[in-house]
C-alpha atoms as a PDB file:
ATOM      1  CA  MET A   1     123.688 138.354 140.744  1.00  0.00           C
ATOM      2  CA  MET A   2     121.436 140.641 138.746  1.00  0.00           C
ATOM      3  CA  ALA A   3     123.053 143.541 136.957  1.00  0.00           C
ATOM      4  CA  GLU A   4     122.390 146.931 138.459  1.00  0.00           C
ATOM      5  CA  ARG A   5     119.753 148.816 136.492  1.00  0.00           C
ATOM      6  CA  HIS A   6     120.255 152.424 135.566  1.00  0.00           C
ATOM      7  CA  ASP A   7     117.313 154.449 134.382  1.00  0.00           C
ATOM      8  CA  GLN A   8     118.259 156.610 131.461  1.00  0.00           C
ATOM      9  CA  PRO A   9     116.096 159.561 130.452  1.00  0.00           C
ATOM     10  CA  PRO A  10     114.534 159.064 127.055  1.00  0.00           C
ATOM     11  CA  LEU A  11     115.896 161.057 124.164  1.00  0.00           C
ATOM     12  CA  PRO A  12     113.695 162.934 121.685  1.00  0.00           C
ATOM     13  CA  LEU A  13     112.782 160.913 118.638  1.00  0.00           C
ATOM     14  CA  ASP A  14     114.320 161.908 115.346  1.00  0.00           C
ATOM     15  CA  TYR A  15     112.048 164.315 113.541  1.00  0.00           C
ATOM     16  CA  ARG A  16     111.870 165.697 110.059  1.00  0.00           C
ATOM     17  CA  GLN A  17     111.488 169.384 109.458  1.00  0.00           C
ATOM     18  CA  HIS A  18     108.944 170.225 106.809  1.00  0.00           C
ATOM     19  CA  PHE A  19     110.086 172.566 104.042  1.00  0.00           C
ATOM     20  CA  GLY A  20     107.092 172.576 101.711  1.00  0.00           C
ATOM     21  CA  GLU A  21     105.539 175.790 100.451  1.00  0.00           C
ATOM     22  CA  GLY A  22     102.572 175.295 102.752  1.00  0.00           C
ATOM     23  CA  ASP A  23     104.930 175.046 105.723  1.00  0.00           C
ATOM     24  CA  PHE A  24     106.453 178.504 105.251  1.00  0.00           C
ATOM     25  CA  CYS A  25     104.870 181.130 107.497  1.00  0.00           C
ATOM     26  CA  VAL A  26     104.211 184.403 105.643  1.00  0.00           C
ATOM     27  CA  THR A  27     103.550 187.578 107.618  1.00  0.00           C
ATOM     28  CA  ASP A  28     104.267 191.280 107.164  1.00  0.00           C
ATOM     29  CA  THR A  29     107.861 190.773 108.336  1.00  0.00           C
ATOM     30  CA  ASN A  30     108.838 188.578 105.374  1.00  0.00           C
ATOM     31  CA  ARG A  31     106.154 189.275 102.768  1.00  0.00           C
ATOM     32  CA  ASP A  32     108.338 191.577 100.642  1.00  0.00           C
ATOM     33  CA  ALA A  33     111.067 188.925 100.377  1.00  0.00           C
ATOM     34  CA  VAL A  34     108.541 186.237  99.473  1.00  0.00           C
ATOM     35  CA  GLU A  35     106.997 188.372  96.745  1.00  0.00           C
ATOM     36  CA  TRP A  36     110.392 189.367  95.321  1.00  0.00           C
ATOM     37  CA  LEU A  37     111.596 185.763  95.097  1.00  0.00           C
ATOM     38  CA  ALA A  38     108.359 184.735  93.417  1.00  0.00           C
ATOM     39  CA  GLN A  39     109.174 186.750  90.275  1.00  0.00           C
ATOM     40  CA  PRO A  40     112.847 186.460  89.263  1.00  0.00           C
ATOM     41  CA  ASP A  41     111.903 187.323  85.685  1.00  0.00           C
ATOM     42  CA  ARG A  42     111.366 190.902  86.891  1.00  0.00           C
ATOM     43  CA  TRP A  43     114.751 191.250  88.571  1.00  0.00           C
ATOM     44  CA  PRO A  44     117.151 193.799  87.058  1.00  0.00           C
ATOM     45  CA  LEU A  45     119.943 191.211  87.474  1.00  0.00           C
ATOM     46  CA  PRO A  46     119.695 187.411  87.711  1.00  0.00           C
ATOM     47  CA  VAL A  47     121.153 187.601  91.238  1.00  0.00           C
ATOM     48  CA  THR A  48     119.616 188.466  94.601  1.00  0.00           C
ATOM     49  CA  LEU A  49     120.863 188.435  98.181  1.00  0.00           C
ATOM     50  CA  LEU A  50     118.605 187.132 100.952  1.00  0.00           C
ATOM     51  CA  ILE A  51     119.677 188.412 104.371  1.00  0.00           C
ATOM     52  CA  GLY A  52     118.228 187.481 107.734  1.00  0.00           C
ATOM     53  CA  PRO A  53     119.007 186.328 111.273  1.00  0.00           C
ATOM     54  CA  ALA A  54     119.425 182.727 112.402  1.00  0.00           C
ATOM     55  CA  ALA A  55     116.349 180.471 112.167  1.00  0.00           C
ATOM     56  CA  SER A  56     114.375 183.190 110.360  1.00  0.00           C
ATOM     57  CA  GLY A  57     113.393 180.913 107.471  1.00  0.00           C
ATOM     58  CA  LYS A  58     116.145 181.852 104.986  1.00  0.00           C
ATOM     59  CA  SER A  59     117.019 178.280 104.047  1.00  0.00           C
ATOM     60  CA  HIS A  60     113.364 177.270 103.831  1.00  0.00           C
ATOM     61  CA  LEU A  61     112.545 180.180 101.538  1.00  0.00           C
ATOM     62  CA  ALA A  62     115.685 179.548  99.469  1.00  0.00           C
ATOM     63  CA  ARG A  63     114.777 175.892  99.019  1.00  0.00           C
ATOM     64  CA  MET A  64     111.328 176.817  97.752  1.00  0.00           C
ATOM     65  CA  PHE A  65     112.872 179.355  95.381  1.00  0.00           C
ATOM     66  CA  ALA A  66     115.370 176.819  94.003  1.00  0.00           C
ATOM     67  CA  GLU A  67     112.695 174.208  93.393  1.00  0.00           C
ATOM     68  CA  ARG A  68     110.269 176.627  91.795  1.00  0.00           C
ATOM     69  CA  HIS A  69     112.699 178.384  89.460  1.00  0.00           C
ATOM     70  CA  ALA A  70     115.506 175.850  88.851  1.00  0.00           C
ATOM     71  CA  ALA A  71     117.764 178.367  90.561  1.00  0.00           C
ATOM     72  CA  ARG A  72     121.165 178.034  92.180  1.00  0.00           C
ATOM     73  CA  VAL A  73     121.371 178.816  95.882  1.00  0.00           C
ATOM     74  CA  ILE A  74     124.540 179.436  97.896  1.00  0.00           C
ATOM     75  CA  ASP A  75     123.676 179.185 101.577  1.00  0.00           C
ATOM     76  CA  ASP A  76     125.791 180.820 104.303  1.00  0.00           C
ATOM     77  CA  ALA A  77     127.531 182.818 101.589  1.00  0.00           C
ATOM     78  CA  ASP A  78     128.919 185.262 104.142  1.00  0.00           C
ATOM     79  CA  MET A  79     130.821 182.400 105.811  1.00  0.00           C
ATOM     80  CA  ILE A  80     132.749 181.453 102.657  1.00  0.00           C
ATOM     81  CA  ALA A  81     136.228 182.914 102.987  1.00  0.00           C
ATOM     82  CA  GLU A  82     137.335 182.145  99.422  1.00  0.00           C
ATOM     83  CA  GLY A  83     135.753 184.689  97.111  1.00  0.00           C
ATOM     84  CA  GLU A  84     136.538 183.105  93.747  1.00  0.00           C
ATOM     85  CA  PRO A  85     133.651 180.569  93.794  1.00  0.00           C
ATOM     86  CA  LEU A  86     131.218 183.338  94.699  1.00  0.00           C
ATOM     87  CA  PHE A  87     132.625 185.570  91.958  1.00  0.00           C
ATOM     88  CA  HIS A  88     132.291 182.865  89.307  1.00  0.00           C
ATOM     89  CA  ALA A  89     128.793 181.950  90.487  1.00  0.00           C
ATOM     90  CA  TRP A  90     127.719 185.601  90.168  1.00  0.00           C
ATOM     91  CA  ASN A  91     129.128 185.800  86.629  1.00  0.00           C
ATOM     92  CA  ALA A  92     127.489 182.503  85.608  1.00  0.00           C
ATOM     93  CA  ALA A  93     123.973 183.493  86.714  1.00  0.00           C
ATOM     94  CA  THR A  94     121.398 183.825  83.933  1.00  0.00           C
ATOM     95  CA  PRO A  95     117.678 184.614  83.783  1.00  0.00           C
ATOM     96  CA  GLN A  96     117.128 180.920  83.047  1.00  0.00           C
ATOM     97  CA  ARG A  97     119.102 179.927  86.148  1.00  0.00           C
ATOM     98  CA  PRO A  98     119.119 182.805  88.620  1.00  0.00           C
ATOM     99  CA  LEU A  99     121.371 182.868  91.676  1.00  0.00           C
ATOM    100  CA  LEU A 100     120.413 183.460  95.295  1.00  0.00           C
ATOM    101  CA  PHE A 101     123.025 184.230  97.933  1.00  0.00           C
ATOM    102  CA  VAL A 102     121.774 183.487 101.462  1.00  0.00           C
ATOM    103  CA  ALA A 103     123.523 185.079 104.434  1.00  0.00           C
ATOM    104  CA  ARG A 104     123.131 186.562 107.875  1.00  0.00           C
ATOM    105  CA  ARG A 105     125.329 189.603 107.288  1.00  0.00           C
ATOM    106  CA  ASN A 106     125.216 192.437 104.784  1.00  0.00           C
ATOM    107  CA  PRO A 107     127.618 191.902 101.847  1.00  0.00           C
ATOM    108  CA  ARG A 108     129.893 194.733 102.950  1.00  0.00           C
ATOM    109  CA  ASP A 109     130.741 192.615 106.022  1.00  0.00           C
ATOM    110  CA  TRP A 110     131.687 189.461 104.098  1.00  0.00           C
ATOM    111  CA  SER A 111     135.317 188.384 104.255  1.00  0.00           C
ATOM    112  CA  HIS A 112     135.903 187.263 100.657  1.00  0.00           C
ATOM    113  CA  GLY A 113     138.509 189.969 100.031  1.00  0.00           C
ATOM    114  CA  LEU A 114     137.722 190.504  96.315  1.00  0.00           C
ATOM    115  CA  ALA A 115     137.047 194.055  95.172  1.00  0.00           C
ATOM    116  CA  ASP A 116     135.368 192.897  91.954  1.00  0.00           C
ATOM    117  CA  LEU A 117     133.030 190.606  93.857  1.00  0.00           C
ATOM    118  CA  GLY A 118     132.309 193.357  96.362  1.00  0.00           C
ATOM    119  CA  SER A 119     131.219 195.726  93.606  1.00  0.00           C
ATOM    120  CA  ARG A 120     128.962 193.065  92.065  1.00  0.00           C
ATOM    121  CA  LEU A 121     127.354 192.259  95.399  1.00  0.00           C
ATOM    122  CA  ALA A 122     126.825 195.955  96.108  1.00  0.00           C
ATOM    123  CA  ALA A 123     124.962 196.261  92.788  1.00  0.00           C
ATOM    124  CA  SER A 124     122.798 193.196  93.415  1.00  0.00           C
ATOM    125  CA  PRO A 125     119.238 193.437  94.727  1.00  0.00           C
ATOM    126  CA  LEU A 126     118.927 192.595  98.410  1.00  0.00           C
ATOM    127  CA  VAL A 127     115.873 191.436 100.315  1.00  0.00           C
ATOM    128  CA  ARG A 128     115.758 191.068 104.047  1.00  0.00           C
ATOM    129  CA  LEU A 129     113.880 188.951 106.549  1.00  0.00           C
ATOM    130  CA  GLY A 130     113.187 191.305 109.408  1.00  0.00           C
ATOM    131  CA  ASP A 131     112.672 190.698 113.095  1.00  0.00           C
ATOM    132  CA  PRO A 132     109.647 188.446 113.606  1.00  0.00           C
ATOM    133  CA  ASP A 133     106.343 190.038 114.515  1.00  0.00           C
ATOM    134  CA  ASP A 134     103.793 188.475 116.883  1.00  0.00           C
ATOM    135  CA  ALA A 135     102.074 186.584 114.086  1.00  0.00           C
ATOM    136  CA  LEU A 136     105.310 185.049 112.835  1.00  0.00           C
ATOM    137  CA  LEU A 137     106.517 184.084 116.321  1.00  0.00           C
ATOM    138  CA  ALA A 138     103.234 182.267 116.965  1.00  0.00           C
ATOM    139  CA  ALA A 139     103.368 180.570 113.564  1.00  0.00           C
ATOM    140  CA  LEU A 140     106.973 179.472 114.097  1.00  0.00           C
ATOM    141  CA  PHE A 141     106.112 178.095 117.514  1.00  0.00           C
ATOM    142  CA  ALA A 142     103.298 176.058 115.986  1.00  0.00           C
ATOM    143  CA  LYS A 143     105.527 174.848 113.127  1.00  0.00           C
ATOM    144  CA  HIS A 144     108.332 173.646 115.402  1.00  0.00           C
ATOM    145  CA  LEU A 145     105.796 171.805 117.537  1.00  0.00           C
ATOM    146  CA  ALA A 146     104.227 170.190 114.475  1.00  0.00           C
ATOM    147  CA  ASP A 147     107.641 169.148 113.115  1.00  0.00           C
ATOM    148  CA  ARG A 148     108.246 167.297 116.381  1.00  0.00           C
ATOM    149  CA  GLY A 149     104.745 165.870 116.610  1.00  0.00           C
ATOM    150  CA  LEU A 150     103.971 167.858 119.769  1.00  0.00           C
ATOM    151  CA  ARG A 151     100.746 169.470 120.869  1.00  0.00           C
ATOM    152  CA  VAL A 152     100.348 172.025 123.625  1.00  0.00           C
ATOM    153  CA  HIS A 153      97.580 174.278 124.833  1.00  0.00           C
ATOM    154  CA  ASP A 154      97.559 177.895 123.748  1.00  0.00           C
ATOM    155  CA  ASP A 155      98.342 179.011 127.301  1.00  0.00           C
ATOM    156  CA  VAL A 156     101.801 177.415 127.025  1.00  0.00           C
ATOM    157  CA  ARG A 157     102.463 179.260 123.773  1.00  0.00           C
ATOM    158  CA  ASP A 158     101.253 182.565 125.187  1.00  0.00           C
ATOM    159  CA  TYR A 159     103.293 182.117 128.365  1.00  0.00           C
ATOM    160  CA  LEU A 160     106.525 181.420 126.507  1.00  0.00           C
ATOM    161  CA  LEU A 161     106.178 184.000 123.765  1.00  0.00           C
ATOM    162  CA  ALA A 162     105.537 186.709 126.344  1.00  0.00           C
ATOM    163  CA  ARG A 163     108.850 185.917 128.063  1.00  0.00           C
ATOM    164  CA  LEU A 164     111.284 184.652 125.448  1.00  0.00           C
ATOM    165  CA  GLU A 165     113.625 186.828 123.437  1.00  0.00           C
ATOM    166  CA  ARG A 166     111.728 187.968 120.362  1.00  0.00           C
ATOM    167  CA  SER A 167     113.699 186.000 117.809  1.00  0.00           C
ATOM    168  CA  ALA A 168     113.083 182.985 115.597  1.00  0.00           C
ATOM    169  CA  ALA A 169     116.137 181.247 117.074  1.00  0.00           C
ATOM    170  CA  ALA A 170     114.815 181.628 120.626  1.00  0.00           C
ATOM    171  CA  VAL A 171     111.504 180.031 119.652  1.00  0.00           C
ATOM    172  CA  ALA A 172     113.243 177.117 117.915  1.00  0.00           C
ATOM    173  CA  ASN A 173     115.544 176.551 120.891  1.00  0.00           C
ATOM    174  CA  ALA A 174     112.681 176.721 123.381  1.00  0.00           C
ATOM    175  CA  VAL A 175     110.589 174.109 121.564  1.00  0.00           C
ATOM    176  CA  ALA A 176     113.578 171.768 121.297  1.00  0.00           C
ATOM    177  CA  ALA A 177     114.365 172.216 124.992  1.00  0.00           C
ATOM    178  CA  LEU A 178     110.719 171.662 125.953  1.00  0.00           C
ATOM    179  CA  ASP A 179     110.677 168.407 124.021  1.00  0.00           C
ATOM    180  CA  ILE A 180     113.808 167.152 125.789  1.00  0.00           C
ATOM    181  CA  LEU A 181     112.652 168.260 129.245  1.00  0.00           C
ATOM    182  CA  SER A 182     109.201 166.747 128.814  1.00  0.00           C
ATOM    183  CA  LEU A 183     110.703 163.375 127.890  1.00  0.00           C
ATOM    184  CA  ALA A 184     113.379 163.478 130.578  1.00  0.00           C
ATOM    185  CA  GLU A 185     110.892 164.269 133.345  1.00  0.00           C
ATOM    186  CA  ARG A 186     108.049 162.254 131.796  1.00  0.00           C
ATOM    187  CA  ARG A 187     105.736 165.243 132.086  1.00  0.00           C
ATOM    188  CA  ASP A 188     103.260 166.821 129.738  1.00  0.00           C
ATOM    189  CA  ILE A 189     104.206 170.193 128.281  1.00  0.00           C
ATOM    190  CA  THR A 190     102.325 172.604 130.503  1.00  0.00           C
ATOM    191  CA  VAL A 191     102.860 176.112 131.849  1.00  0.00           C
ATOM    192  CA  PRO A 192     104.638 174.798 134.993  1.00  0.00           C
ATOM    193  CA  LEU A 193     107.054 172.836 132.804  1.00  0.00           C
ATOM    194  CA  ALA A 194     107.610 175.887 130.589  1.00  0.00           C
ATOM    195  CA  ARG A 195     108.273 177.984 133.712  1.00  0.00           C
ATOM    196  CA  ALA A 196     110.824 175.445 134.941  1.00  0.00           C
ATOM    197  CA  LEU A 197     112.510 175.520 131.554  1.00  0.00           C
ATOM    198  CA  LEU A 198     112.827 179.294 131.552  1.00  0.00           C
ATOM    199  CA  GLU A 199     114.169 179.371 135.097  1.00  0.00           C
ATOM    200  CA  THR A 200     116.729 176.577 134.739  1.00  0.00           C
ATOM    201  CA  GLN A 201     117.892 176.619 131.129  1.00  0.00           C
ATOM    202  CA  PHE A 202     117.143 180.137 129.943  1.00  0.00           C
ATOM    203  CA  ARG A 203     118.086 181.684 133.302  1.00  0.00           C
ATOM    204  CA  LEU A 204     115.095 183.987 133.402  1.00  0.00           C
ATOM    205  CA  ASP A 205     114.129 185.374 136.774  1.00  0.00           C
ATOM    206  CA  LEU A 206     110.379 184.774 136.938  1.00  0.00           C
END
């Protein structure tokens, strides 16, 4: 007797995110941070804090900074409960090896519990990645598609960006979900598929 066959929806192929300098999208919302990190020799201290929301490009920008300037980077610094490593890293920073703290929250909201570290962080320069503008949202949408090897018509991009939450994380999540849904339903990524995604997974009343 032949074994019963079960069709299993295909899974997205593994993909590699691109973190080269040419892959970072620069617009008015992040230009000040990019320019500040390009010239650590002009910093008043060899330490800077980079603050921004999820998926805003903090880690990408920090990686470029580390490679370009032989710098030390501490990612998700606001999530580190033990303050001693952060304190020692701050004290060890030099102009030859500057230090970049990367976080989502302002340093006053970190939970390290060290007054000395708090005063050092408060004195450190801080640059911020702001909420994405239209140009950055479109560029991020294109980048996430390219990372996954996907191509869609501009009408799909325009349809989604007009309806999604205006955040980098929402764009990243939408592209990932589109990829999965397209493979599962064996359909091209079109406006009808994008509409189905928003209605079923993002719970938007369209």
